[in-house]
């Protein structure tokens, strides 16, 4: 019984990750598109521009926070959790 239950748990976890991967990719893409729409093509080379965009624009900051929150939620599901 314990073996069967653990197999079901593993299968459910793998299915959950497989279902979440496309969502993670979409959320990553949406976050990058948001930045590109504001003239930021490379977040690493334009880190200051990212900071100024979010610092000076409350509406854009709120939108970015929501996009980032969704992305990080998916990332938490996909990545392993050290426990």
N, C-alpha and C. Protein backbone atom coordinates (compact mmCIF):
# COMPACT_ATOMS: atom_id res chain seq x y z
N UNK A 1 0.82 -1.19 0.00
CA UNK A 1 0.00 0.00 0.00
C UNK A 1 0.87 1.27 0.00
N UNK A 2 1.89 1.27 0.83
CA UNK A 2 2.78 2.43 0.88
C UNK A 2 3.50 2.62 -0.45
N UNK A 3 3.90 1.52 -1.07
CA UNK A 3 4.60 1.58 -2.36
C UNK A 3 3.68 2.14 -3.44
N UNK A 4 2.44 1.69 -3.45
CA UNK A 4 1.48 2.16 -4.46
C UNK A 4 1.20 3.64 -4.25
N UNK A 5 1.00 4.04 -3.01
CA UNK A 5 0.74 5.46 -2.72
C UNK A 5 1.91 6.33 -3.15
N UNK A 6 3.13 5.90 -2.89
CA UNK A 6 4.29 6.71 -3.26
C UNK A 6 4.45 6.77 -4.78
N UNK A 7 4.11 5.71 -5.49
CA UNK A 7 4.16 5.74 -6.95
C UNK A 7 3.15 6.75 -7.50
N UNK A 8 1.96 6.77 -6.90
CA UNK A 8 0.95 7.74 -7.32
C UNK A 8 1.40 9.17 -7.05
N UNK A 9 2.05 9.38 -5.92
CA UNK A 9 2.58 10.71 -5.59
C UNK A 9 3.61 11.16 -6.61
N UNK A 10 4.52 10.26 -6.98
CA UNK A 10 5.56 10.58 -7.96
C UNK A 10 4.93 10.87 -9.31
N UNK A 11 3.99 10.04 -9.73
CA UNK A 11 3.33 10.25 -11.02
C UNK A 11 2.59 11.58 -11.03
N UNK A 12 1.93 11.91 -9.92
CA UNK A 12 1.23 13.19 -9.83
C UNK A 12 2.17 14.37 -9.87
N UNK A 13 3.30 14.24 -9.22
CA UNK A 13 4.29 15.32 -9.22
C UNK A 13 4.87 15.52 -10.61
N UNK A 14 5.17 14.43 -11.30
CA UNK A 14 5.72 14.54 -12.65
C UNK A 14 4.71 15.16 -13.60
N UNK A 15 3.46 14.76 -13.47
CA UNK A 15 2.41 15.33 -14.31
C UNK A 15 2.28 16.82 -14.03
N UNK A 16 2.31 17.18 -12.76
CA UNK A 16 2.20 18.59 -12.38
C UNK A 16 3.33 19.42 -12.99
N UNK A 17 4.54 18.88 -12.94
CA UNK A 17 5.68 19.59 -13.51
C UNK A 17 5.54 19.70 -15.02
N UNK A 18 5.14 18.60 -15.66
CA UNK A 18 4.96 18.61 -17.11
C UNK A 18 3.90 19.61 -17.53
N UNK A 19 2.86 19.74 -16.74
CA UNK A 19 1.81 20.72 -17.05
C UNK A 19 2.27 22.14 -16.77
N UNK A 20 3.16 22.30 -15.82
CA UNK A 20 3.59 23.64 -15.42
C UNK A 20 4.67 24.21 -16.35
N UNK A 21 5.45 23.37 -16.99
CA UNK A 21 6.54 23.86 -17.84
C UNK A 21 6.07 24.84 -18.92
N UNK A 22 5.02 24.52 -19.68
CA UNK A 22 4.56 25.50 -20.68
C UNK A 22 4.10 26.81 -20.04
N UNK A 23 3.49 26.72 -18.87
CA UNK A 23 3.06 27.91 -18.14
C UNK A 23 4.28 28.74 -17.72
N UNK A 24 5.32 28.06 -17.25
CA UNK A 24 6.55 28.74 -16.86
C UNK A 24 7.16 29.47 -18.05
N UNK A 25 7.23 28.79 -19.19
CA UNK A 25 7.79 29.40 -20.39
C UNK A 25 6.98 30.63 -20.82
N UNK A 26 5.66 30.50 -20.77
CA UNK A 26 4.80 31.62 -21.15
C UNK A 26 4.99 32.81 -20.20
N UNK A 27 5.07 32.52 -18.91
CA UNK A 27 5.24 33.60 -17.93
C UNK A 27 6.60 34.26 -18.05
N UNK A 28 7.62 33.49 -18.36
CA UNK A 28 8.95 34.05 -18.60
C UNK A 28 8.90 34.97 -19.81
N UNK A 29 8.27 34.48 -20.88
CA UNK A 29 8.16 35.26 -22.11
C UNK A 29 7.39 36.57 -21.86
N UNK A 30 6.30 36.50 -21.13
CA UNK A 30 5.50 37.70 -20.85
C UNK A 30 6.30 38.74 -20.07
N UNK A 31 7.11 38.27 -19.13
CA UNK A 31 7.93 39.18 -18.33
C UNK A 31 8.96 39.88 -19.20
N UNK A 32 9.62 39.11 -20.08
CA UNK A 32 10.61 39.71 -20.97
C UNK A 32 9.97 40.65 -21.98
N UNK A 33 8.80 40.29 -22.50
CA UNK A 33 8.09 41.17 -23.44
C UNK A 33 7.73 42.49 -22.77
N UNK A 34 7.29 42.43 -21.53
CA UNK A 34 6.98 43.66 -20.79
C UNK A 34 8.19 44.59 -20.78
N UNK A 35 9.35 44.04 -20.47
CA UNK A 35 10.57 44.86 -20.43
C UNK A 35 10.94 45.37 -21.82
N UNK A 36 10.81 44.52 -22.83
CA UNK A 36 11.12 44.93 -24.20
C UNK A 36 10.21 46.06 -24.66
N UNK A 37 8.94 46.00 -24.26
CA UNK A 37 8.00 47.07 -24.62
C UNK A 37 8.38 48.40 -23.99
N UNK A 38 9.21 48.35 -22.97
CA UNK A 38 9.68 49.57 -22.31
C UNK A 38 11.14 49.87 -22.67
N UNK A 39 11.59 49.31 -23.80
CA UNK A 39 12.92 49.64 -24.31
C UNK A 39 14.07 48.89 -23.68
N UNK A 40 13.78 47.83 -22.95
CA UNK A 40 14.84 47.06 -22.29
C UNK A 40 14.96 45.71 -22.99
N UNK A 41 15.97 45.60 -23.84
CA UNK A 41 16.15 44.38 -24.62
C UNK A 41 17.00 43.34 -23.89
N UNK A 42 17.89 43.80 -23.04
CA UNK A 42 18.81 42.89 -22.33
C UNK A 42 18.83 43.28 -20.86
N UNK A 43 18.24 42.46 -20.02
CA UNK A 43 18.12 42.82 -18.61
C UNK A 43 19.46 42.88 -17.90
N UNK A 44 20.44 42.16 -18.43
CA UNK A 44 21.76 42.17 -17.79
C UNK A 44 22.55 43.43 -18.15
N UNK A 45 22.51 43.81 -19.42
CA UNK A 45 23.23 45.01 -19.86
C UNK A 45 22.49 46.30 -19.49
N UNK A 46 21.20 46.20 -19.25
CA UNK A 46 20.38 47.39 -18.98
C UNK A 46 19.75 47.34 -17.59
N UNK A 47 20.49 46.85 -16.64
CA UNK A 47 19.98 46.72 -15.27
C UNK A 47 19.54 48.07 -14.70
N UNK A 48 20.32 49.11 -14.96
CA UNK A 48 19.95 50.45 -14.46
C UNK A 48 18.62 50.90 -15.05
N UNK A 49 18.41 50.64 -16.33
CA UNK A 49 17.15 51.01 -16.98
C UNK A 49 15.98 50.26 -16.35
N UNK A 50 16.19 49.00 -16.00
CA UNK A 50 15.14 48.22 -15.31
C UNK A 50 14.79 48.88 -13.98
N UNK A 51 15.80 49.24 -13.25
CA UNK A 51 15.58 49.84 -11.93
C UNK A 51 14.85 51.17 -12.05
N UNK A 52 15.28 52.01 -12.99
CA UNK A 52 14.63 53.31 -13.16
C UNK A 52 13.19 53.16 -13.64
N UNK A 53 12.94 52.20 -14.52
CA UNK A 53 11.58 51.96 -14.99
C UNK A 53 10.66 51.63 -13.82
N UNK A 54 11.11 50.74 -12.97
CA UNK A 54 10.27 50.28 -11.86
C UNK A 54 10.21 51.30 -10.73
N UNK A 55 11.27 52.07 -10.58
CA UNK A 55 11.33 53.07 -9.50
C UNK A 55 10.38 54.24 -9.77
N UNK A 56 10.34 54.67 -11.00
CA UNK A 56 9.65 55.92 -11.33
C UNK A 56 8.21 55.76 -11.82
N UNK A 57 7.76 54.53 -12.06
CA UNK A 57 6.45 54.32 -12.66
C UNK A 57 5.64 53.31 -11.84
N UNK A 58 4.72 53.83 -11.06
CA UNK A 58 3.95 52.96 -10.16
C UNK A 58 3.12 51.93 -10.93
N UNK A 59 2.50 52.34 -12.01
CA UNK A 59 1.66 51.43 -12.79
C UNK A 59 2.50 50.31 -13.41
N UNK A 60 3.63 50.68 -14.01
CA UNK A 60 4.50 49.67 -14.61
C UNK A 60 5.08 48.75 -13.55
N UNK A 61 5.42 49.32 -12.41
CA UNK A 61 5.96 48.50 -11.32
C UNK A 61 4.93 47.47 -10.86
N UNK A 62 3.68 47.88 -10.72
CA UNK A 62 2.62 46.96 -10.29
C UNK A 62 2.43 45.84 -11.32
N UNK A 63 2.45 46.21 -12.60
CA UNK A 63 2.31 45.19 -13.65
C UNK A 63 3.49 44.22 -13.62
N UNK A 64 4.70 44.76 -13.48
CA UNK A 64 5.89 43.91 -13.43
C UNK A 64 5.85 42.99 -12.21
N UNK A 65 5.45 43.51 -11.08
CA UNK A 65 5.37 42.69 -9.86
C UNK A 65 4.41 41.52 -10.07
N UNK A 66 3.28 41.77 -10.71
CA UNK A 66 2.34 40.68 -10.99
C UNK A 66 2.92 39.66 -11.95
N UNK A 67 3.58 40.13 -12.99
CA UNK A 67 4.22 39.21 -13.94
C UNK A 67 5.30 38.38 -13.25
N UNK A 68 6.11 39.04 -12.45
CA UNK A 68 7.19 38.34 -11.76
C UNK A 68 6.64 37.35 -10.74
N UNK A 69 5.60 37.74 -10.04
CA UNK A 69 4.98 36.84 -9.06
C UNK A 69 4.47 35.57 -9.74
N UNK A 70 3.80 35.71 -10.87
CA UNK A 70 3.31 34.54 -11.61
C UNK A 70 4.46 33.66 -12.07
N UNK A 71 5.51 34.29 -12.59
CA UNK A 71 6.68 33.54 -13.05
C UNK A 71 7.32 32.76 -11.90
N UNK A 72 7.51 33.42 -10.78
CA UNK A 72 8.16 32.77 -9.63
C UNK A 72 7.30 31.66 -9.04
N UNK A 73 5.98 31.81 -9.11
CA UNK A 73 5.08 30.74 -8.65
C UNK A 73 5.30 29.49 -9.49
N UNK A 74 5.36 29.65 -10.81
CA UNK A 74 5.61 28.51 -11.69
C UNK A 74 7.00 27.94 -11.47
N UNK A 75 7.97 28.80 -11.28
CA UNK A 75 9.34 28.34 -11.05
C UNK A 75 9.43 27.50 -9.78
N UNK A 76 8.72 27.90 -8.75
CA UNK A 76 8.72 27.13 -7.49
C UNK A 76 8.13 25.74 -7.68
N UNK A 77 7.16 25.60 -8.57
CA UNK A 77 6.56 24.30 -8.83
C UNK A 77 7.53 23.40 -9.59
N UNK A 78 8.26 23.98 -10.53
CA UNK A 78 9.13 23.19 -11.41
C UNK A 78 10.45 22.82 -10.75
N UNK A 79 11.04 23.75 -10.04
CA UNK A 79 12.36 23.48 -9.45
C UNK A 79 12.23 22.62 -8.21
N UNK A 80 13.25 21.80 -7.98
CA UNK A 80 13.22 20.98 -6.76
C UNK A 80 13.35 21.85 -5.52
N UNK A 81 12.78 21.36 -4.46
CA UNK A 81 12.81 22.10 -3.19
C UNK A 81 13.70 21.38 -2.19
N UNK A 82 14.78 21.99 -1.77
CA UNK A 82 15.60 21.34 -0.74
C UNK A 82 14.88 21.39 0.61
N UNK A 83 14.66 20.24 1.17
CA UNK A 83 13.94 20.20 2.45
C UNK A 83 14.64 19.34 3.44
